[in-house]
């Protein structure tokens, strides 16, 4: 308290100056219409700039919520597109098999996939075996072996789940093996990462007679219970290293930018358990 009083006494002339300035401005504002209008105009300009700055700050703070909403909408639209593609394939197959036959469409709406939005809380791209951690877990409906996608394309497959978190094996991991197909020719192969460039993976086991061109789209084949068919994976960059004279290997530019990954969707397949069970029974009976 003593130091505060000493400070006020030592700076009393400055405080007196400020007081007189305030009084002077008040007298000018009250007794002069022109100066009052100038001050009001200046105050309005300052207020406008402050309001604009405040709006910009609030808009920035709301970006996270906005991104979440956009992710939800994109996911819903993507699921709808995949559902419609599935229905078109069923109808086309029925039409080709039974000319003039009108198929029962009751089952067409039973698309077995949905999604769970999640955020990336941990990510690595510089290691040989990379992993991604999500902020969704078993309590949110996430389970092992569920597929994970971004707005651009496939990310990976859930490997481990706790109550609130999930660890994903991304495409940038030698353990990842993804069944894919060339959209133009519909021939399929296996996508694998060689640990070198985070932008590329190799599509292997393609028959030698397959025709392809640079820029051809590569999508999921749908030959597993993890991903529906038609999800974007990447595009053909060039012919890759050939380890087998009977098969091609293509270098694929991945659609997902793993270095900037932040929002993803976990794909839930309601028929996955049944799919696994029937495959297991077939293997045991073999």
Protein backbone atom coordinates (compact mmCIF):
# COMPACT_ATOMS: atom_id res chain seq x y z
CA UNK A 1 0.00 0.00 0.00
CA UNK A 2 2.87 2.31 0.85
CA UNK A 3 4.44 1.74 -2.56
CA UNK A 4 1.12 2.46 -4.30
CA UNK A 5 0.77 5.78 -2.47
CA UNK A 6 4.37 6.67 -3.29
CA UNK A 7 3.70 5.88 -6.96
CA UNK A 8 0.56 8.05 -7.06
CA UNK A 9 2.32 10.96 -5.34
CA UNK A 10 5.35 10.65 -7.62
CA UNK A 11 3.18 10.64 -10.78
CA UNK A 12 0.59 13.13 -9.56
CA UNK A 13 1.35 15.63 -12.34
CA UNK A 14 0.54 12.97 -14.97
CA UNK A 15 -2.71 12.07 -13.27
CA UNK A 16 -3.61 15.77 -13.09
CA UNK A 17 -2.80 16.16 -16.79
CA UNK A 18 -5.05 13.21 -17.71
CA UNK A 19 -7.88 14.57 -15.58
CA UNK A 20 -7.66 17.99 -17.25
CA UNK A 21 -7.61 16.35 -20.69
CA UNK A 22 -10.77 14.41 -19.89
CA UNK A 23 -12.47 17.59 -18.67
CA UNK A 24 -11.36 19.46 -21.81
CA UNK A 25 -12.71 16.77 -24.14
CA UNK A 26 -15.97 16.70 -22.22
CA UNK A 27 -16.38 20.49 -22.55
CA UNK A 28 -15.54 20.40 -26.27
CA UNK A 29 -17.97 17.53 -26.85
CA UNK A 30 -20.80 19.23 -24.96
CA UNK A 31 -20.42 22.79 -26.33
CA UNK A 32 -19.36 22.26 -29.99
CA UNK A 33 -21.65 20.46 -32.43
CA UNK A 34 -18.98 20.03 -35.12
CA UNK A 35 -16.42 18.45 -32.79
CA UNK A 36 -19.17 16.26 -31.30
CA UNK A 37 -20.07 14.91 -34.75
CA UNK A 38 -16.42 14.25 -35.56
CA UNK A 39 -15.97 12.37 -32.30
CA UNK A 40 -19.12 10.33 -32.86
CA UNK A 41 -18.01 9.43 -36.39
CA UNK A 42 -14.59 8.41 -35.16
CA UNK A 43 -16.15 6.36 -32.36
CA UNK A 44 -18.39 4.60 -34.89
CA UNK A 45 -15.39 3.74 -37.07
CA UNK A 46 -13.51 2.33 -34.08
CA UNK A 47 -16.58 0.39 -32.95
CA UNK A 48 -17.02 -1.01 -36.44
CA UNK A 49 -13.41 -2.20 -36.58
CA UNK A 50 -13.70 -3.76 -33.13
CA UNK A 51 -16.94 -5.52 -34.10
CA UNK A 52 -15.32 -6.82 -37.29
CA UNK A 53 -12.31 -8.07 -35.33
CA UNK A 54 -14.58 -9.67 -32.75
CA UNK A 55 -16.58 -11.38 -35.52
CA UNK A 56 -13.40 -12.71 -37.11
CA UNK A 57 -12.17 -14.08 -33.80
CA UNK A 58 -15.51 -15.78 -33.09
CA UNK A 59 -15.61 -17.22 -36.62
CA UNK A 60 -12.13 -18.68 -36.10
CA UNK A 61 -13.12 -20.16 -32.75
CA UNK A 62 -16.18 -21.77 -34.38
CA UNK A 63 -14.14 -23.42 -37.16
CA UNK A 64 -13.77 -26.65 -35.18
CA UNK A 65 -17.53 -27.01 -34.80
CA UNK A 66 -18.03 -26.06 -38.45
CA UNK A 67 -15.48 -28.65 -39.58
CA UNK A 68 -17.28 -31.27 -37.52
CA UNK A 69 -20.61 -30.39 -39.14
CA UNK A 70 -19.07 -30.50 -42.63
CA UNK A 71 -17.52 -33.89 -41.87
CA UNK A 72 -20.92 -35.19 -40.78
CA UNK A 73 -22.59 -33.90 -43.94
CA UNK A 74 -19.86 -35.23 -46.24
CA UNK A 75 -20.07 -38.60 -44.56
CA UNK A 76 -23.84 -38.75 -44.95
CA UNK A 77 -23.60 -37.78 -48.63
CA UNK A 78 -20.85 -40.33 -49.27
CA UNK A 79 -22.89 -43.10 -47.65
CA UNK A 80 -25.88 -42.09 -49.76
CA UNK A 81 -23.81 -42.20 -52.95
CA UNK A 82 -22.44 -45.64 -52.05
CA UNK A 83 -25.94 -46.87 -51.24
CA UNK A 84 -27.26 -45.67 -54.59
CA UNK A 85 -24.33 -47.27 -56.42
CA UNK A 86 -25.06 -50.53 -54.65
CA UNK A 87 -28.72 -50.34 -55.66
CA UNK A 88 -27.80 -49.58 -59.30
CA UNK A 89 -25.47 -52.60 -59.43
CA UNK A 90 -28.19 -54.86 -58.03
CA UNK A 91 -30.76 -53.57 -60.51
CA UNK A 92 -28.33 -53.84 -63.41
CA UNK A 93 -27.50 -57.43 -62.49
CA UNK A 94 -31.19 -58.35 -62.20
CA UNK A 95 -31.97 -56.69 -65.52
CA UNK A 96 -29.13 -58.47 -67.27
CA UNK A 97 -30.09 -61.86 -65.83
CA UNK A 98 -33.86 -61.59 -66.29
CA UNK A 99 -34.86 -59.42 -69.21
CA UNK A 100 -38.20 -57.80 -68.52
CA UNK A 101 -38.27 -59.02 -64.92
CA UNK A 102 -39.11 -56.41 -62.26
CA UNK A 103 -37.05 -57.27 -59.16
CA UNK A 104 -38.23 -57.00 -55.59
CA UNK A 105 -36.84 -53.65 -54.39
CA UNK A 106 -37.70 -54.07 -50.72
CA UNK A 107 -34.12 -55.07 -49.92
CA UNK A 108 -32.50 -52.19 -51.78
CA UNK A 109 -32.76 -49.73 -48.90
CA UNK A 110 -30.99 -52.10 -46.49
CA UNK A 111 -27.52 -50.61 -47.01
CA UNK A 112 -25.49 -52.13 -44.14
CA UNK A 113 -23.03 -49.26 -43.58
CA UNK A 114 -23.03 -46.15 -41.40
CA UNK A 115 -20.25 -43.96 -40.00
CA UNK A 116 -18.93 -42.44 -36.77
CA UNK A 117 -17.16 -39.08 -36.91
CA UNK A 118 -13.83 -38.83 -35.11
CA UNK A 119 -10.83 -36.54 -34.71
CA UNK A 120 -7.17 -37.47 -34.99
CA UNK A 121 -5.38 -36.92 -31.67
CA UNK A 122 -2.08 -38.58 -32.63
CA UNK A 123 -0.54 -39.30 -36.01
CA UNK A 124 2.81 -40.40 -37.42
CA UNK A 125 4.04 -40.40 -41.02
CA UNK A 126 7.83 -40.58 -40.67
CA UNK A 127 8.16 -44.11 -39.30
CA UNK A 128 8.19 -47.45 -41.04
CA UNK A 129 5.17 -48.61 -39.01
CA UNK A 130 2.87 -45.62 -38.62
CA UNK A 131 -0.22 -45.45 -36.41
CA UNK A 132 -3.11 -43.02 -35.91
CA UNK A 133 -5.04 -42.47 -32.67
CA UNK A 134 -8.67 -41.29 -32.74
CA UNK A 135 -10.77 -39.69 -29.98
CA UNK A 136 -13.55 -42.26 -30.32
CA UNK A 137 -13.67 -45.69 -28.70
CA UNK A 138 -15.88 -48.60 -27.73
CA UNK A 139 -18.34 -46.38 -25.88
CA UNK A 140 -18.88 -44.47 -29.13
CA UNK A 141 -19.53 -47.65 -31.13
CA UNK A 142 -16.03 -48.10 -32.57
CA UNK A 143 -14.77 -51.70 -32.77
CA UNK A 144 -11.74 -53.56 -34.05
CA UNK A 145 -11.43 -54.05 -37.83
CA UNK A 146 -13.66 -51.12 -38.73
CA UNK A 147 -12.59 -49.09 -41.76
CA UNK A 148 -11.53 -45.44 -41.48
CA UNK A 149 -11.81 -42.83 -44.25
CA UNK A 150 -11.22 -39.10 -44.66
CA UNK A 151 -12.99 -36.61 -46.90
CA UNK A 152 -10.48 -37.50 -49.62
CA UNK A 153 -10.15 -41.24 -49.38
CA UNK A 154 -9.33 -44.37 -47.39
CA UNK A 155 -7.20 -43.95 -44.24
CA UNK A 156 -6.85 -47.42 -42.70
CA UNK A 157 -8.38 -50.02 -40.37
CA UNK A 158 -8.98 -49.90 -36.61
CA UNK A 159 -6.62 -52.29 -34.81
CA UNK A 160 -7.06 -51.58 -31.08
CA UNK A 161 -9.94 -50.00 -29.14
CA UNK A 162 -10.35 -48.71 -25.59
CA UNK A 163 -13.41 -47.07 -24.06
CA UNK A 164 -12.58 -43.60 -25.41
CA UNK A 165 -9.82 -44.07 -28.02
CA UNK A 166 -9.01 -46.18 -31.05
CA UNK A 167 -5.69 -46.92 -32.78
CA UNK A 168 -5.72 -47.20 -36.58
CA UNK A 169 -3.28 -49.01 -38.85
CA UNK A 170 -3.14 -46.59 -41.80
CA UNK A 171 -2.22 -47.34 -45.39
CA UNK A 172 1.24 -46.03 -44.45
CA UNK A 173 2.06 -49.22 -42.57
CA UNK A 174 3.54 -52.45 -44.00
CA UNK A 175 0.90 -54.41 -42.06
CA UNK A 176 -1.85 -52.77 -44.11
CA UNK A 177 -3.17 -54.82 -47.05
CA UNK A 178 -6.16 -53.33 -48.87
CA UNK A 179 -8.13 -54.96 -51.68
CA UNK A 180 -8.57 -52.37 -54.46
CA UNK A 181 -9.64 -52.28 -58.06
CA UNK A 182 -9.07 -50.10 -61.10
CA UNK A 183 -12.35 -48.27 -61.66
CA UNK A 184 -12.00 -48.26 -65.44
CA UNK A 185 -11.17 -51.94 -65.98
CA UNK A 186 -12.54 -53.30 -62.66
CA UNK A 187 -9.52 -55.62 -62.23
CA UNK A 188 -8.45 -55.85 -58.61
CA UNK A 189 -5.22 -56.21 -56.67
CA UNK A 190 -3.72 -55.60 -53.22
CA UNK A 191 -2.51 -52.18 -52.07
CA UNK A 192 0.61 -52.18 -49.89
CA UNK A 193 3.13 -49.57 -48.69
CA UNK A 194 6.87 -50.06 -49.08
CA UNK A 195 7.87 -47.56 -46.39
CA UNK A 196 9.52 -45.05 -48.71
CA UNK A 197 7.26 -42.22 -49.85
CA UNK A 198 4.17 -41.22 -47.82
CA UNK A 199 2.47 -40.05 -51.00
CA UNK A 200 2.52 -43.41 -52.78
CA UNK A 201 1.63 -47.06 -52.29
CA UNK A 202 1.88 -50.06 -54.61
CA UNK A 203 -1.07 -51.88 -56.17
CA UNK A 204 0.20 -55.43 -56.64
CA UNK A 205 -1.01 -58.73 -58.13
CA UNK A 206 -2.65 -57.21 -61.21
CA UNK A 207 -2.74 -59.57 -64.22
CA UNK A 208 -0.34 -58.67 -67.02
CA UNK A 209 -3.13 -58.23 -69.57
CA UNK A 210 -4.79 -55.41 -67.57
CA UNK A 211 -4.91 -52.13 -69.47
CA UNK A 212 -4.29 -48.96 -67.48
CA UNK A 213 -3.33 -45.33 -67.94
CA UNK A 214 -1.78 -42.70 -65.74
CA UNK A 215 -4.49 -40.96 -63.74
CA UNK A 216 -6.85 -43.96 -63.63
CA UNK A 217 -8.89 -44.03 -60.43
CA UNK A 218 -8.30 -46.74 -57.81
CA UNK A 219 -11.15 -47.56 -55.40
CA UNK A 220 -11.95 -50.19 -52.78
CA UNK A 221 -13.07 -53.48 -54.30
CA UNK A 222 -15.71 -54.31 -51.68
CA UNK A 223 -14.29 -57.86 -51.36
CA UNK A 224 -14.12 -57.61 -47.57
CA UNK A 225 -16.44 -56.76 -44.71
CA UNK A 226 -14.41 -53.65 -43.83
CA UNK A 227 -15.01 -51.20 -46.69
CA UNK A 228 -17.90 -50.88 -49.12
CA UNK A 229 -16.99 -50.92 -52.79
CA UNK A 230 -16.19 -47.66 -54.55
CA UNK A 231 -14.37 -45.66 -51.86
CA UNK A 232 -11.60 -43.47 -53.26
CA UNK A 233 -8.06 -44.76 -52.66
CA UNK A 234 -5.90 -42.89 -55.17
CA UNK A 235 -4.85 -42.60 -58.80
CA UNK A 236 -2.36 -44.48 -60.97
CA UNK A 237 0.95 -42.62 -61.10
CA UNK A 238 3.13 -45.00 -63.11
CA UNK A 239 4.13 -48.61 -63.64
CA UNK A 240 5.90 -49.86 -60.54
CA UNK A 241 8.69 -52.34 -59.87
CA UNK A 242 7.96 -55.80 -61.30
CA UNK A 243 8.76 -58.71 -58.96
CA UNK A 244 6.74 -61.27 -60.91
CA UNK A 245 6.54 -61.73 -64.67
CA UNK A 246 2.88 -62.75 -64.42
CA UNK A 247 1.61 -59.67 -62.59
CA UNK A 248 1.79 -55.89 -62.70
CA UNK A 249 2.61 -53.58 -59.82
CA UNK A 250 1.41 -49.98 -60.14
CA UNK A 251 2.54 -46.97 -58.13
CA UNK A 252 -0.59 -45.32 -56.73
CA UNK A 253 -0.73 -41.71 -55.56
CA UNK A 254 -2.80 -41.87 -52.39
CA UNK A 255 -5.83 -39.59 -52.22
CA UNK A 256 -5.52 -39.00 -48.46
CA UNK A 257 -2.91 -36.50 -47.27
CA UNK A 258 -1.78 -38.22 -44.09
CA UNK A 259 0.46 -35.32 -43.02
CA UNK A 260 -2.54 -32.99 -42.58
CA UNK A 261 -5.11 -35.54 -41.39
CA UNK A 262 -7.45 -34.14 -38.71
CA UNK A 263 -11.07 -35.32 -39.20
CA UNK A 264 -12.03 -38.86 -40.19
CA UNK A 265 -15.03 -41.20 -40.29
CA UNK A 266 -15.12 -44.73 -38.92
CA UNK A 267 -17.25 -47.01 -41.09
CA UNK A 268 -19.54 -49.43 -39.30
CA UNK A 269 -20.72 -52.54 -41.17
CA UNK A 270 -23.74 -54.14 -39.49
CA UNK A 271 -23.16 -57.42 -41.36
CA UNK A 272 -19.45 -57.70 -40.58
CA UNK A 273 -19.85 -60.33 -37.85
CA UNK A 274 -22.01 -62.50 -40.12
CA UNK A 275 -19.49 -62.10 -42.94
CA UNK A 276 -16.62 -63.23 -40.73
CA UNK A 277 -18.59 -66.17 -39.35
CA UNK A 278 -19.47 -67.57 -42.75
CA UNK A 279 -15.87 -67.19 -43.95
CA UNK A 280 -14.60 -68.96 -40.82
CA UNK A 281 -17.03 -71.83 -41.33
CA UNK A 282 -15.95 -72.16 -44.94
CA UNK A 283 -12.27 -72.28 -43.91
CA UNK A 284 -12.94 -74.93 -41.27
CA UNK A 285 -14.85 -77.09 -43.74
CA UNK A 286 -12.15 -76.82 -46.39
